[in-house]
Amino acid sequence: MSKKSYSLSGAQANALLHFWLTAYSDYIASRVLLNSGLLIQGAILASTSIEKYFKGRYNSIHPNPNI
């Protein structure tokens, strides 16, 4: 299986990095909430984290300047 390479502009790479860094911050915060017994809040923040990761990944493959 061959790997595809993608080329991103500086702004697109910055947006991707922003999505992934905020997704990681949300992930850490959701872990804290879940470990503190706040299950609903932790689950909501975990789903937000996953959404940001996928949005960043999708945007890296299909760049959209409006996001």
Protein backbone atom coordinates (compact mmCIF):
# COMPACT_ATOMS: atom_id res chain seq x y z
CA MET A 1 0.00 0.00 0.00
CA SER A 2 1.50 3.31 -1.03
CA LYS A 3 1.19 6.39 1.12
CA LYS A 4 -0.22 9.60 -0.32
CA SER A 5 1.55 12.81 0.43
CA TYR A 6 -0.28 16.07 0.92
CA SER A 7 0.99 19.59 0.59
CA LEU A 8 -0.40 22.26 2.91
CA SER A 9 0.09 25.99 2.85
CA GLY A 10 1.24 27.74 6.00
CA ALA A 11 -2.29 28.82 6.91
CA GLN A 12 -3.67 25.31 6.34
CA ALA A 13 -0.90 23.75 8.43
CA ASN A 14 -1.56 26.31 11.16
CA ALA A 15 -5.29 25.48 11.14
CA LEU A 16 -4.51 21.75 11.33
CA LEU A 17 -2.15 22.28 14.24
CA HIS A 18 -4.76 24.44 15.98
CA PHE A 19 -7.43 21.73 15.63
CA TRP A 20 -5.12 19.03 16.96
CA LEU A 21 -3.77 21.07 19.88
CA THR A 22 -7.25 22.09 21.02
CA ALA A 23 -8.44 18.50 20.55
CA TYR A 24 -5.61 17.31 22.80
CA SER A 25 -6.44 19.95 25.43
CA ASP A 26 -10.09 18.87 25.34
CA TYR A 27 -9.00 15.23 25.67
CA ILE A 28 -6.94 15.98 28.78
CA ALA A 29 -9.78 18.02 30.29
CA SER A 30 -12.28 15.24 29.56
CA ARG A 31 -10.00 12.71 31.31
CA VAL A 32 -9.91 14.94 34.39
CA LEU A 33 -13.70 15.28 34.38
CA LEU A 34 -14.25 11.55 33.91
CA ASN A 35 -11.79 10.68 36.68
CA SER A 36 -13.54 13.19 38.95
CA GLY A 37 -16.86 11.44 38.46
CA LEU A 38 -18.41 14.06 36.16
CA LEU A 39 -19.41 11.54 33.53
CA ILE A 40 -21.80 13.60 31.41
CA GLN A 41 -19.49 16.62 31.19
CA GLY A 42 -16.50 14.37 30.50
CA ALA A 43 -18.32 12.48 27.77
CA ILE A 44 -19.42 15.70 26.08
CA LEU A 45 -15.90 17.10 26.12
CA ALA A 46 -14.48 13.78 24.87
CA SER A 47 -16.84 13.83 21.90
CA THR A 48 -15.82 17.43 21.18
CA SER A 49 -12.19 16.35 21.25
CA ILE A 50 -12.82 13.55 18.77
CA GLU A 51 -14.78 15.90 16.51
CA LYS A 52 -11.91 18.40 16.44
CA TYR A 53 -9.38 15.69 15.63
CA PHE A 54 -11.48 14.38 12.73
CA LYS A 55 -12.22 17.90 11.50
CA GLY A 56 -8.50 18.67 11.44
CA ARG A 57 -7.74 15.41 9.66
CA TYR A 58 -10.47 15.96 7.07
CA ASN A 59 -9.34 19.54 6.54
CA SER A 60 -5.79 18.36 5.91
CA ILE A 61 -7.00 16.07 3.11
CA HIS A 62 -9.68 18.40 1.70
CA PRO A 63 -8.49 21.95 2.48
CA ASN A 64 -11.28 24.45 2.97
CA PRO A 65 -10.30 28.09 3.61
CA ASN A 66 -13.68 28.82 5.24
CA ILE A 67 -13.11 26.59 8.28
